[in-house]
Amino acid sequence: MARSTNGADQPAEPGWALTRLIKIHDGMRDDLALLRRAVQAIAEDDRGMATAMLGSVSFREPGWSLRVYCAHFCRFVQDHHSVEDTMLFPVLLRDQLATNPGFAKVIELLAADHRALTGYLDNVERALRAAPDDENAGAAALGAIERLSDHLETHLAFEEETLAPALNALSAVVSEDDFDVPDDAAVIAEDDDVLMTWDDDAPGR
């Protein structure tokens, strides 16, 4: 058995709930990294590189592809956080409060982080509207995506660490088939022109 940060015994292997959360988060990390590289290419006026990186996303003009990709990514993150806030967190709170009163503070911090991330996501979308046509706007968009990356990466790691005991406890008593929180990948409908990389059927996944 491994030990969590709060001293509780944890299974050597994560349960289905933690595994699913990490899988979703890893998809976000991959998409965020691609988004950052594409924004950097646009900021450096390297349209060939941007086209190559976004080739699996769309064959349209690079700026259009980047804006669409960003909009879908940002919507996915927002929807993921909405699922957590309204469905997952209440279930974990109900199960944990009797034995771990401090867990409510963890959920409060995560929910506050979700609200803060909404601002970072909105800033990136706004910055990208002008980025393909203006060098200064491209640099501003790169700054916005770097700030989002720093905050989101920190949030994902913190969430995985702090929710691990509760998610593993949930996995021990509830089967994945019986749990009602939807798989976040199903929240985003496929677009005819955009293929999101968190789709298990996407190329390279």
N, C-alpha and C. Protein backbone atom coordinates (compact mmCIF):
# COMPACT_ATOMS: atom_id res chain seq x y z
N MET A 1 0.84 -1.20 0.00
CA MET A 1 0.00 0.00 0.00
C MET A 1 0.87 1.25 0.00
N ALA A 2 0.47 2.25 -0.77
CA ALA A 2 1.15 3.54 -0.76
C ALA A 2 0.47 4.46 0.24
N ARG A 3 1.16 5.56 0.60
CA ARG A 3 0.60 6.51 1.54
C ARG A 3 0.27 7.80 0.80
N SER A 4 -0.92 8.36 1.06
CA SER A 4 -1.28 9.64 0.47
C SER A 4 -0.67 10.76 1.28
N THR A 5 -0.84 12.00 0.80
CA THR A 5 -0.28 13.14 1.50
C THR A 5 -0.94 13.37 2.85
N ASN A 6 -2.16 12.83 3.05
CA ASN A 6 -2.81 13.01 4.35
C ASN A 6 -2.61 11.79 5.26
N GLY A 7 -1.73 10.87 4.81
CA GLY A 7 -1.36 9.75 5.66
C GLY A 7 -2.22 8.51 5.51
N ALA A 8 -3.25 8.57 4.68
CA ALA A 8 -4.15 7.43 4.51
C ALA A 8 -3.51 6.39 3.60
N ASP A 9 -3.84 5.12 3.87
CA ASP A 9 -3.36 4.06 3.00
C ASP A 9 -4.04 4.17 1.63
N GLN A 10 -3.25 4.00 0.57
CA GLN A 10 -3.78 4.06 -0.78
C GLN A 10 -3.37 2.79 -1.51
N PRO A 11 -4.22 2.31 -2.43
CA PRO A 11 -3.86 1.11 -3.20
C PRO A 11 -2.64 1.37 -4.07
N ALA A 12 -1.86 0.32 -4.30
CA ALA A 12 -0.66 0.46 -5.13
C ALA A 12 -1.03 0.90 -6.53
N GLU A 13 -2.17 0.44 -7.04
CA GLU A 13 -2.65 0.82 -8.36
C GLU A 13 -3.88 1.70 -8.20
N PRO A 14 -3.98 2.81 -8.95
CA PRO A 14 -5.14 3.68 -8.84
C PRO A 14 -6.41 2.97 -9.30
N GLY A 15 -7.53 3.33 -8.68
CA GLY A 15 -8.80 2.76 -9.09
C GLY A 15 -9.29 3.38 -10.39
N TRP A 16 -10.46 2.91 -10.85
CA TRP A 16 -10.96 3.38 -12.14
C TRP A 16 -11.25 4.88 -12.15
N ALA A 17 -11.70 5.44 -11.03
CA ALA A 17 -12.07 6.86 -11.01
C ALA A 17 -10.84 7.75 -11.17
N LEU A 18 -9.77 7.45 -10.43
CA LEU A 18 -8.55 8.23 -10.56
C LEU A 18 -7.92 8.01 -11.93
N THR A 19 -7.95 6.78 -12.41
CA THR A 19 -7.41 6.48 -13.73
C THR A 19 -8.12 7.29 -14.81
N ARG A 20 -9.44 7.37 -14.70
CA ARG A 20 -10.21 8.12 -15.70
C ARG A 20 -9.89 9.61 -15.62
N LEU A 21 -9.76 10.15 -14.41
CA LEU A 21 -9.43 11.57 -14.27
C LEU A 21 -8.06 11.87 -14.88
N ILE A 22 -7.07 11.02 -14.59
CA ILE A 22 -5.72 11.24 -15.12
C ILE A 22 -5.73 11.14 -16.65
N LYS A 23 -6.50 10.22 -17.18
CA LYS A 23 -6.59 10.08 -18.64
C LYS A 23 -7.14 11.35 -19.27
N ILE A 24 -8.18 11.91 -18.69
CA ILE A 24 -8.76 13.16 -19.20
C ILE A 24 -7.74 14.29 -19.07
N HIS A 25 -7.09 14.37 -17.92
CA HIS A 25 -6.09 15.42 -17.70
C HIS A 25 -4.92 15.30 -18.68
N ASP A 26 -4.48 14.07 -18.94
CA ASP A 26 -3.37 13.89 -19.88
C ASP A 26 -3.77 14.34 -21.28
N GLY A 27 -5.03 14.11 -21.66
CA GLY A 27 -5.51 14.61 -22.94
C GLY A 27 -5.47 16.14 -22.98
N MET A 28 -5.86 16.76 -21.87
CA MET A 28 -5.78 18.23 -21.80
C MET A 28 -4.33 18.70 -21.93
N ARG A 29 -3.43 18.02 -21.24
CA ARG A 29 -2.02 18.42 -21.31
C ARG A 29 -1.50 18.32 -22.74
N ASP A 30 -1.84 17.25 -23.44
CA ASP A 30 -1.40 17.09 -24.82
C ASP A 30 -1.96 18.19 -25.71
N ASP A 31 -3.25 18.47 -25.57
CA ASP A 31 -3.89 19.49 -26.40
C ASP A 31 -3.36 20.87 -26.08
N LEU A 32 -3.11 21.14 -24.81
CA LEU A 32 -2.58 22.43 -24.41
C LEU A 32 -1.17 22.63 -24.98
N ALA A 33 -0.36 21.56 -24.97
CA ALA A 33 0.99 21.65 -25.52
C ALA A 33 0.94 21.93 -27.02
N LEU A 34 0.03 21.26 -27.73
CA LEU A 34 -0.12 21.51 -29.17
C LEU A 34 -0.59 22.94 -29.42
N LEU A 35 -1.54 23.39 -28.62
CA LEU A 35 -2.04 24.75 -28.77
C LEU A 35 -0.93 25.77 -28.56
N ARG A 36 -0.12 25.54 -27.53
CA ARG A 36 0.98 26.48 -27.25
C ARG A 36 1.97 26.50 -28.40
N ARG A 37 2.34 25.34 -28.94
CA ARG A 37 3.31 25.30 -30.05
C ARG A 37 2.75 26.00 -31.28
N ALA A 38 1.45 25.80 -31.54
CA ALA A 38 0.83 26.44 -32.70
C ALA A 38 0.78 27.95 -32.53
N VAL A 39 0.45 28.42 -31.33
CA VAL A 39 0.42 29.86 -31.06
C VAL A 39 1.81 30.45 -31.21
N GLN A 40 2.82 29.73 -30.74
CA GLN A 40 4.19 30.23 -30.87
C GLN A 40 4.58 30.34 -32.34
N ALA A 41 4.18 29.36 -33.15
CA ALA A 41 4.49 29.41 -34.58
C ALA A 41 3.81 30.60 -35.25
N ILE A 42 2.56 30.87 -34.88
CA ILE A 42 1.85 32.02 -35.43
C ILE A 42 2.53 33.31 -34.99
N ALA A 43 2.93 33.38 -33.71
CA ALA A 43 3.58 34.58 -33.18
C ALA A 43 4.90 34.84 -33.90
N GLU A 44 5.58 33.76 -34.33
CA GLU A 44 6.84 33.90 -35.05
C GLU A 44 6.65 33.96 -36.55
N ASP A 45 5.38 34.04 -36.98
CA ASP A 45 5.01 34.11 -38.40
C ASP A 45 5.51 32.91 -39.18
N ASP A 46 5.53 31.75 -38.52
CA ASP A 46 5.93 30.51 -39.17
C ASP A 46 4.67 29.74 -39.53
N ARG A 47 4.02 30.16 -40.62
CA ARG A 47 2.75 29.55 -41.01
C ARG A 47 2.92 28.08 -41.41
N GLY A 48 4.07 27.75 -41.98
CA GLY A 48 4.30 26.36 -42.36
C GLY A 48 4.29 25.44 -41.16
N MET A 49 4.94 25.87 -40.07
CA MET A 49 4.96 25.06 -38.86
C MET A 49 3.58 24.95 -38.26
N ALA A 50 2.85 26.08 -38.23
CA ALA A 50 1.49 26.06 -37.69
C ALA A 50 0.61 25.11 -38.49
N THR A 51 0.74 25.15 -39.81
CA THR A 51 -0.06 24.27 -40.67
C THR A 51 0.28 22.81 -40.40
N ALA A 52 1.58 22.51 -40.25
CA ALA A 52 2.00 21.13 -40.00
C ALA A 52 1.44 20.61 -38.68
N MET A 53 1.48 21.44 -37.64
CA MET A 53 1.01 21.02 -36.32
C MET A 53 -0.50 20.85 -36.28
N LEU A 54 -1.21 21.69 -37.04
CA LEU A 54 -2.67 21.64 -37.01
C LEU A 54 -3.23 20.86 -38.17
N GLY A 55 -2.37 20.15 -38.91
CA GLY A 55 -2.83 19.43 -40.09
C GLY A 55 -3.89 18.39 -39.79
N SER A 56 -3.79 17.74 -38.63
CA SER A 56 -4.78 16.72 -38.29
C SER A 56 -6.06 17.33 -37.76
N VAL A 57 -6.02 18.66 -37.49
CA VAL A 57 -7.19 19.33 -36.96
C VAL A 57 -8.03 19.91 -38.08
N SER A 58 -7.39 20.56 -39.05
CA SER A 58 -8.12 21.18 -40.15
C SER A 58 -7.15 21.49 -41.27
N PHE A 59 -7.66 21.48 -42.50
CA PHE A 59 -6.83 21.83 -43.65
C PHE A 59 -7.07 23.26 -44.08
N ARG A 60 -7.79 24.03 -43.27
CA ARG A 60 -8.06 25.41 -43.63
C ARG A 60 -6.90 26.31 -43.25
N GLU A 61 -7.07 27.62 -43.49
CA GLU A 61 -6.04 28.62 -43.20
C GLU A 61 -5.61 28.51 -41.73
N PRO A 62 -4.28 28.57 -41.44
CA PRO A 62 -3.80 28.29 -40.09
C PRO A 62 -4.46 29.10 -39.00
N GLY A 63 -4.68 30.40 -39.23
CA GLY A 63 -5.31 31.21 -38.19
C GLY A 63 -6.69 30.73 -37.86
N TRP A 64 -7.47 30.36 -38.91
CA TRP A 64 -8.83 29.84 -38.68
C TRP A 64 -8.75 28.55 -37.87
N SER A 65 -7.85 27.65 -38.25
CA SER A 65 -7.72 26.38 -37.56
C SER A 65 -7.39 26.58 -36.08
N LEU A 66 -6.46 27.51 -35.83
CA LEU A 66 -6.03 27.77 -34.46
C LEU A 66 -7.18 28.30 -33.62
N ARG A 67 -7.95 29.23 -34.17
CA ARG A 67 -9.08 29.79 -33.42
C ARG A 67 -10.12 28.72 -33.12
N VAL A 68 -10.41 27.87 -34.10
CA VAL A 68 -11.40 26.82 -33.89
C VAL A 68 -10.90 25.79 -32.88
N TYR A 69 -9.65 25.39 -33.03
CA TYR A 69 -9.06 24.43 -32.10
C TYR A 69 -9.09 24.97 -30.68
N CYS A 70 -8.72 26.25 -30.55
CA CYS A 70 -8.71 26.88 -29.22
C CYS A 70 -10.10 26.92 -28.64
N ALA A 71 -11.09 27.29 -29.45
CA ALA A 71 -12.47 27.37 -28.96
C ALA A 71 -12.95 26.02 -28.47
N HIS A 72 -12.65 24.95 -29.19
CA HIS A 72 -13.07 23.62 -28.77
C HIS A 72 -12.33 23.18 -27.51
N PHE A 73 -11.04 23.46 -27.45
CA PHE A 73 -10.28 23.10 -26.27
C PHE A 73 -10.81 23.83 -25.04
N CYS A 74 -11.01 25.14 -25.18
CA CYS A 74 -11.48 25.93 -24.04
C CYS A 74 -12.87 25.46 -23.59
N ARG A 75 -13.73 25.12 -24.55
CA ARG A 75 -15.06 24.64 -24.19
C ARG A 75 -14.98 23.30 -23.48
N PHE A 76 -14.07 22.45 -23.91
CA PHE A 76 -13.92 21.16 -23.26
C PHE A 76 -13.49 21.33 -21.81
N VAL A 77 -12.49 22.18 -21.57
CA VAL A 77 -12.01 22.41 -20.21
C VAL A 77 -13.13 22.97 -19.34
N GLN A 78 -13.88 23.93 -19.88
CA GLN A 78 -14.99 24.51 -19.12
C GLN A 78 -16.04 23.45 -18.79
N ASP A 79 -16.37 22.61 -19.77
CA ASP A 79 -17.38 21.56 -19.54
C ASP A 79 -16.88 20.53 -18.53
N HIS A 80 -15.61 20.20 -18.62
CA HIS A 80 -15.01 19.26 -17.65
C HIS A 80 -15.13 19.81 -16.23
N HIS A 81 -14.82 21.07 -16.06
CA HIS A 81 -14.92 21.68 -14.74
C HIS A 81 -16.36 21.77 -14.27
N SER A 82 -17.28 22.00 -15.19
CA SER A 82 -18.70 22.04 -14.82
C SER A 82 -19.18 20.68 -14.33
N VAL A 83 -18.75 19.61 -15.00
CA VAL A 83 -19.09 18.25 -14.57
C VAL A 83 -18.54 17.99 -13.17
N GLU A 84 -17.30 18.40 -12.94
CA GLU A 84 -16.71 18.21 -11.61
C GLU A 84 -17.48 18.99 -10.55
N ASP A 85 -17.75 20.27 -10.82
CA ASP A 85 -18.39 21.14 -9.83
C ASP A 85 -19.80 20.67 -9.47
N THR A 86 -20.55 20.24 -10.47
CA THR A 86 -21.98 19.94 -10.25
C THR A 86 -22.28 18.47 -10.00
N MET A 87 -21.38 17.57 -10.39
CA MET A 87 -21.67 16.14 -10.27
C MET A 87 -20.65 15.38 -9.45
N LEU A 88 -19.37 15.53 -9.78
CA LEU A 88 -18.35 14.73 -9.10
C LEU A 88 -18.09 15.22 -7.68
N PHE A 89 -17.85 16.52 -7.52
CA PHE A 89 -17.50 17.04 -6.20
C PHE A 89 -18.58 16.78 -5.15
N PRO A 90 -19.87 16.96 -5.46
CA PRO A 90 -20.89 16.65 -4.44
C PRO A 90 -20.86 15.19 -3.98
N VAL A 91 -20.59 14.28 -4.93
CA VAL A 91 -20.52 12.86 -4.57
C VAL A 91 -19.34 12.61 -3.64
N LEU A 92 -18.19 13.17 -3.97
CA LEU A 92 -17.01 12.97 -3.13
C LEU A 92 -17.18 13.61 -1.76
N LEU A 93 -17.79 14.79 -1.72
CA LEU A 93 -18.04 15.44 -0.43
C LEU A 93 -18.95 14.59 0.45
N ARG A 94 -19.99 14.06 -0.12
CA ARG A 94 -20.92 13.22 0.64
C ARG A 94 -20.21 12.03 1.26
N ASP A 95 -19.29 11.44 0.49
CA ASP A 95 -18.61 10.23 0.96
C ASP A 95 -17.47 10.52 1.94
N GLN A 96 -16.88 11.71 1.87
CA GLN A 96 -15.66 11.99 2.62
C GLN A 96 -15.85 12.79 3.90
N LEU A 97 -16.90 13.59 3.99
CA LEU A 97 -17.00 14.55 5.09
C LEU A 97 -17.02 13.91 6.47
N ALA A 98 -17.63 12.74 6.59
CA ALA A 98 -17.73 12.10 7.91
C ALA A 98 -16.36 11.73 8.46
N THR A 99 -15.46 11.30 7.60
CA THR A 99 -14.14 10.84 8.06
C THR A 99 -13.03 11.83 7.77
N ASN A 100 -13.28 12.81 6.92
CA ASN A 100 -12.25 13.76 6.52
C ASN A 100 -12.86 15.16 6.40
N PRO A 101 -13.10 15.83 7.53
CA PRO A 101 -13.74 17.15 7.51
C PRO A 101 -12.97 18.19 6.69
N GLY A 102 -11.67 18.04 6.59
CA GLY A 102 -10.87 18.99 5.83
C GLY A 102 -11.06 18.89 4.33
N PHE A 103 -11.75 17.84 3.90
CA PHE A 103 -11.94 17.65 2.46
C PHE A 103 -12.77 18.77 1.85
N ALA A 104 -13.66 19.37 2.61
CA ALA A 104 -14.48 20.46 2.09
C ALA A 104 -13.61 21.63 1.64
N LYS A 105 -12.51 21.87 2.36
CA LYS A 105 -11.60 22.95 1.98
C LYS A 105 -10.92 22.64 0.65
N VAL A 106 -10.57 21.38 0.44
CA VAL A 106 -9.96 20.97 -0.83
C VAL A 106 -10.92 21.26 -1.99
N ILE A 107 -12.17 20.88 -1.82
CA ILE A 107 -13.16 21.11 -2.87
C ILE A 107 -13.37 22.60 -3.10
N GLU A 108 -13.37 23.37 -2.02
CA GLU A 108 -13.52 24.83 -2.14
C GLU A 108 -12.37 25.42 -2.95
N LEU A 109 -11.14 24.96 -2.70
CA LEU A 109 -9.99 25.46 -3.44
C LEU A 109 -10.06 25.07 -4.91
N LEU A 110 -10.46 23.84 -5.18
CA LEU A 110 -10.55 23.39 -6.57
C LEU A 110 -11.63 24.16 -7.33
N ALA A 111 -12.78 24.38 -6.69
CA ALA A 111 -13.85 25.13 -7.34
C ALA A 111 -13.42 26.57 -7.61
N ALA A 112 -12.70 27.18 -6.67
CA ALA A 112 -12.21 28.54 -6.88
C ALA A 112 -11.21 28.57 -8.03
N ASP A 113 -10.40 27.54 -8.13
CA ASP A 113 -9.44 27.45 -9.23
C ASP A 113 -10.17 27.34 -10.57
N HIS A 114 -11.26 26.59 -10.61
CA HIS A 114 -12.05 26.50 -11.83
C HIS A 114 -12.54 27.87 -12.27
N ARG A 115 -12.99 28.67 -11.31
CA ARG A 115 -13.47 30.01 -11.65
C ARG A 115 -12.33 30.88 -12.18
N ALA A 116 -11.17 30.76 -11.55
CA ALA A 116 -10.02 31.54 -12.02
C ALA A 116 -9.59 31.11 -13.42
N LEU A 117 -9.62 29.82 -13.68
CA LEU A 117 -9.22 29.32 -15.00
C LEU A 117 -10.16 29.79 -16.10
N THR A 118 -11.42 30.04 -15.77
CA THR A 118 -12.34 30.59 -16.76
C THR A 118 -11.80 31.89 -17.33
N GLY A 119 -11.24 32.73 -16.47
CA GLY A 119 -10.66 33.99 -16.92
C GLY A 119 -9.47 33.77 -17.84
N TYR A 120 -8.59 32.83 -17.50
CA TYR A 120 -7.43 32.55 -18.34
C TYR A 120 -7.86 32.01 -19.70
N LEU A 121 -8.86 31.13 -19.72
CA LEU A 121 -9.36 30.58 -20.98
C LEU A 121 -9.98 31.67 -21.85
N ASP A 122 -10.77 32.54 -21.24
CA ASP A 122 -11.38 33.64 -21.99
C ASP A 122 -10.31 34.57 -22.56
N ASN A 123 -9.26 34.83 -21.79
CA ASN A 123 -8.18 35.70 -22.27
C ASN A 123 -7.48 35.10 -23.49
N VAL A 124 -7.27 33.80 -23.48
CA VAL A 124 -6.63 33.14 -24.62
C VAL A 124 -7.51 33.25 -25.86
N GLU A 125 -8.79 32.97 -25.71
CA GLU A 125 -9.68 33.07 -26.87
C GLU A 125 -9.71 34.48 -27.44
N ARG A 126 -9.78 35.48 -26.57
CA ARG A 126 -9.80 36.87 -27.05
C ARG A 126 -8.50 37.21 -27.77
N ALA A 127 -7.38 36.80 -27.20
CA ALA A 127 -6.08 37.13 -27.79
C ALA A 127 -5.91 36.49 -29.17
N LEU A 128 -6.44 35.29 -29.34
CA LEU A 128 -6.25 34.58 -30.61
C LEU A 128 -7.10 35.13 -31.74
N ARG A 129 -8.11 35.90 -31.43
CA ARG A 129 -8.95 36.45 -32.50
C ARG A 129 -8.15 37.36 -33.42
N ALA A 130 -7.14 38.05 -32.88
CA ALA A 130 -6.34 38.97 -33.67
C ALA A 130 -4.96 38.42 -34.01
N ALA A 131 -4.54 37.35 -33.36
CA ALA A 131 -3.15 36.90 -33.46
C ALA A 131 -2.67 36.63 -34.88
N PRO A 132 -3.44 35.97 -35.77
CA PRO A 132 -2.90 35.63 -37.08
C PRO A 132 -2.61 36.86 -37.95
N ASP A 133 -3.18 38.01 -37.63
CA ASP A 133 -3.07 39.18 -38.50
C ASP A 133 -2.21 40.29 -37.93
N ASP A 134 -1.67 40.12 -36.75
CA ASP A 134 -0.95 41.20 -36.09
C ASP A 134 0.18 40.62 -35.26
N GLU A 135 1.42 41.07 -35.54
CA GLU A 135 2.58 40.50 -34.84
C GLU A 135 2.51 40.74 -33.34
N ASN A 136 2.13 41.97 -32.94
CA ASN A 136 2.03 42.26 -31.51
C ASN A 136 0.94 41.42 -30.85
N ALA A 137 -0.19 41.23 -31.59
CA ALA A 137 -1.27 40.40 -31.05
C ALA A 137 -0.82 38.96 -30.91
N GLY A 138 0.05 38.51 -31.83
CA GLY A 138 0.57 37.15 -31.73
C GLY A 138 1.40 36.97 -30.47
N ALA A 139 2.22 37.95 -30.15
CA ALA A 139 3.02 37.89 -28.93
C ALA A 139 2.12 37.92 -27.70
N ALA A 140 1.06 38.73 -27.75
CA ALA A 140 0.13 38.80 -26.63
C ALA A 140 -0.59 37.46 -26.45
N ALA A 141 -0.94 36.82 -27.56
CA ALA A 141 -1.61 35.52 -27.49
C ALA A 141 -0.69 34.47 -26.89
N LEU A 142 0.60 34.53 -27.25
CA LEU A 142 1.56 33.58 -26.68
C LEU A 142 1.68 33.79 -25.18
N GLY A 143 1.70 35.05 -24.74
CA GLY A 143 1.74 35.32 -23.30
C GLY A 143 0.51 34.79 -22.60
N ALA A 144 -0.66 34.94 -23.23
CA ALA A 144 -1.90 34.46 -22.63
C ALA A 144 -1.91 32.94 -22.50
N ILE A 145 -1.42 32.25 -23.53
CA ILE A 145 -1.43 30.78 -23.49
C ILE A 145 -0.39 30.28 -22.50
N GLU A 146 0.71 31.00 -22.33
CA GLU A 146 1.70 30.59 -21.33
C GLU A 146 1.17 30.75 -19.92
N ARG A 147 0.43 31.83 -19.68
CA ARG A 147 -0.19 32.00 -18.35
C ARG A 147 -1.23 30.93 -18.10
N LEU A 148 -2.03 30.60 -19.11
CA LEU A 148 -3.00 29.51 -18.97
C LEU A 148 -2.28 28.20 -18.69
N SER A 149 -1.21 27.93 -19.43
CA SER A 149 -0.47 26.68 -19.25
C SER A 149 0.05 26.54 -17.83
N ASP A 150 0.66 27.59 -17.31
CA ASP A 150 1.20 27.54 -15.95
C ASP A 150 0.11 27.25 -14.93
N HIS A 151 -1.02 27.94 -15.05
CA HIS A 151 -2.09 27.78 -14.07
C HIS A 151 -2.79 26.44 -14.22
N LEU A 152 -3.06 26.03 -15.46
CA LEU A 152 -3.79 24.78 -15.67
C LEU A 152 -2.94 23.58 -15.28
N GLU A 153 -1.66 23.58 -15.64
CA GLU A 153 -0.79 22.46 -15.27
C GLU A 153 -0.72 22.31 -13.75
N THR A 154 -0.59 23.43 -13.04
CA THR A 154 -0.54 23.39 -11.58
C THR A 154 -1.86 22.86 -11.03
N HIS A 155 -2.97 23.32 -11.59
CA HIS A 155 -4.29 22.89 -11.13
C HIS A 155 -4.48 21.39 -11.33
N LEU A 156 -4.13 20.88 -12.51
CA LEU A 156 -4.33 19.45 -12.79
C LEU A 156 -3.53 18.59 -11.83
N ALA A 157 -2.27 18.96 -11.59
CA ALA A 157 -1.44 18.18 -10.67
C ALA A 157 -2.00 18.22 -9.25
N PHE A 158 -2.43 19.40 -8.80
CA PHE A 158 -3.00 19.54 -7.46
C PHE A 158 -4.28 18.73 -7.33
N GLU A 159 -5.11 18.77 -8.34
CA GLU A 159 -6.37 18.04 -8.29
C GLU A 159 -6.14 16.53 -8.23
N GLU A 160 -5.22 16.04 -9.04
CA GLU A 160 -4.93 14.61 -9.02
C GLU A 160 -4.40 14.16 -7.66
N GLU A 161 -3.52 14.96 -7.08
CA GLU A 161 -2.94 14.59 -5.78
C GLU A 161 -3.98 14.64 -4.66
N THR A 162 -4.76 15.71 -4.62
CA THR A 162 -5.67 15.89 -3.48
C THR A 162 -6.93 15.04 -3.58
N LEU A 163 -7.34 14.69 -4.80
CA LEU A 163 -8.54 13.87 -4.95
C LEU A 163 -8.25 12.38 -5.00
N ALA A 164 -6.98 12.01 -5.10
CA ALA A 164 -6.64 10.59 -5.24
C ALA A 164 -7.24 9.71 -4.15
N PRO A 165 -7.10 10.05 -2.85
CA PRO A 165 -7.68 9.18 -1.82
C PRO A 165 -9.20 9.02 -1.97
N ALA A 166 -9.90 10.12 -2.23
CA ALA A 166 -11.36 10.05 -2.35
C ALA A 166 -11.77 9.28 -3.58
N LEU A 167 -11.07 9.46 -4.69
CA LEU A 167 -11.42 8.75 -5.92
C LEU A 167 -11.13 7.25 -5.79
N ASN A 168 -10.04 6.91 -5.14
CA ASN A 168 -9.74 5.49 -4.94
C ASN A 168 -10.74 4.85 -3.98
N ALA A 169 -11.18 5.61 -2.97
CA ALA A 169 -12.21 5.09 -2.06
C ALA A 169 -13.52 4.87 -2.81
N LEU A 170 -13.85 5.80 -3.70
CA LEU A 170 -15.06 5.64 -4.51
C LEU A 170 -14.96 4.41 -5.39
N SER A 171 -13.81 4.20 -6.01
CA SER A 171 -13.62 3.05 -6.90
C SER A 171 -13.77 1.73 -6.16
N ALA A 172 -13.46 1.73 -4.86
CA ALA A 172 -13.52 0.50 -4.08
C ALA A 172 -14.95 0.06 -3.77
N VAL A 173 -15.89 1.01 -3.84
CA VAL A 173 -17.27 0.67 -3.45
C VAL A 173 -18.27 0.83 -4.58
N VAL A 174 -17.89 1.50 -5.66
CA VAL A 174 -18.80 1.71 -6.79
C VAL A 174 -18.09 1.29 -8.06
N SER A 175 -18.76 0.50 -8.88
CA SER A 175 -18.17 0.10 -10.16
C SER A 175 -18.31 1.24 -11.16
N GLU A 176 -17.42 1.25 -12.14
CA GLU A 176 -17.46 2.31 -13.15
C GLU A 176 -18.78 2.29 -13.91
N ASP A 177 -19.31 1.10 -14.16
CA ASP A 177 -20.56 0.98 -14.91
C ASP A 177 -21.74 1.57 -14.16
N ASP A 178 -21.65 1.60 -12.82
CA ASP A 178 -22.77 2.09 -12.02
C ASP A 178 -22.67 3.57 -11.68
N PHE A 179 -21.56 4.20 -12.08
CA PHE A 179 -21.37 5.61 -11.72
C PHE A 179 -22.00 6.49 -12.79
N ASP A 180 -22.70 7.55 -12.35
CA ASP A 180 -23.51 8.34 -13.28
C ASP A 180 -22.79 9.53 -13.90
N VAL A 181 -21.61 9.92 -13.38
CA VAL A 181 -20.91 11.05 -13.98
C VAL A 181 -20.42 10.64 -15.37
N PRO A 182 -20.76 11.42 -16.41
CA PRO A 182 -20.40 11.02 -17.77
C PRO A 182 -18.92 11.13 -18.04
N ASP A 183 -18.46 10.35 -19.02
CA ASP A 183 -17.10 10.50 -19.52
C ASP A 183 -17.01 11.85 -20.21
N ASP A 184 -16.07 12.70 -19.78
CA ASP A 184 -15.99 14.05 -20.31
C ASP A 184 -15.78 14.09 -21.81
N ALA A 185 -15.15 13.05 -22.37
CA ALA A 185 -14.91 13.06 -23.81
C ALA A 185 -16.21 13.09 -24.59
N ALA A 186 -17.30 12.62 -23.97
CA ALA A 186 -18.58 12.61 -24.65
C ALA A 186 -19.29 13.95 -24.58
N VAL A 187 -18.77 14.87 -23.75
CA VAL A 187 -19.41 16.17 -23.60
C VAL A 187 -19.27 16.99 -24.87
N ILE A 188 -18.14 16.84 -25.58
CA ILE A 188 -17.90 17.60 -26.79
C ILE A 188 -18.31 16.77 -28.01
N ALA A 189 -19.24 17.29 -28.79
CA ALA A 189 -19.64 16.62 -30.02
C ALA A 189 -18.56 16.81 -31.07
N GLU A 190 -18.35 15.79 -31.91
CA GLU A 190 -17.35 15.90 -32.96
C GLU A 190 -17.79 16.95 -33.97
N ASP A 191 -16.84 17.74 -34.44
CA ASP A 191 -17.08 18.74 -35.48
C ASP A 191 -16.59 18.18 -36.80
N ASP A 192 -17.26 18.52 -37.90
CA ASP A 192 -16.86 18.01 -39.21
C ASP A 192 -15.44 18.42 -39.58
N ASP A 193 -14.97 19.57 -39.06
CA ASP A 193 -13.67 20.09 -39.45
C ASP A 193 -12.61 19.95 -38.37
N VAL A 194 -13.00 19.57 -37.17
CA VAL A 194 -12.07 19.56 -36.05
C VAL A 194 -12.09 18.20 -35.37
N LEU A 195 -10.91 17.62 -35.17
CA LEU A 195 -10.80 16.34 -34.48
C LEU A 195 -10.00 16.57 -33.22
N MET A 196 -10.65 16.48 -32.06
CA MET A 196 -9.97 16.76 -30.81
C MET A 196 -9.09 15.59 -30.42
N THR A 197 -7.92 15.87 -29.85
CA THR A 197 -6.96 14.80 -29.59
C THR A 197 -7.31 13.95 -28.39
N TRP A 198 -8.33 14.35 -27.60
CA TRP A 198 -8.67 13.47 -26.47
C TRP A 198 -9.61 12.37 -26.90
N ASP A 199 -10.03 12.37 -28.17
CA ASP A 199 -10.83 11.29 -28.72
C ASP A 199 -9.93 10.08 -28.90
N ASP A 200 -10.28 8.94 -28.29
CA ASP A 200 -9.43 7.76 -28.37
C ASP A 200 -9.21 7.27 -29.79
N ASP A 201 -10.13 7.62 -30.70
CA ASP A 201 -10.00 7.16 -32.08
C ASP A 201 -9.19 8.12 -32.94
N ALA A 202 -8.73 9.23 -32.35
CA ALA A 202 -7.98 10.22 -33.13
C ALA A 202 -6.62 9.65 -33.51
N PRO A 203 -6.07 10.07 -34.66
CA PRO A 203 -4.76 9.60 -35.07
C PRO A 203 -3.71 9.90 -34.02
N GLY A 204 -2.84 8.94 -33.77
CA GLY A 204 -1.74 9.17 -32.85
C GLY A 204 -2.08 8.95 -31.40
N ARG A 205 -3.33 8.57 -31.08
CA ARG A 205 -3.70 8.34 -29.70
C ARG A 205 -3.74 6.85 -29.42
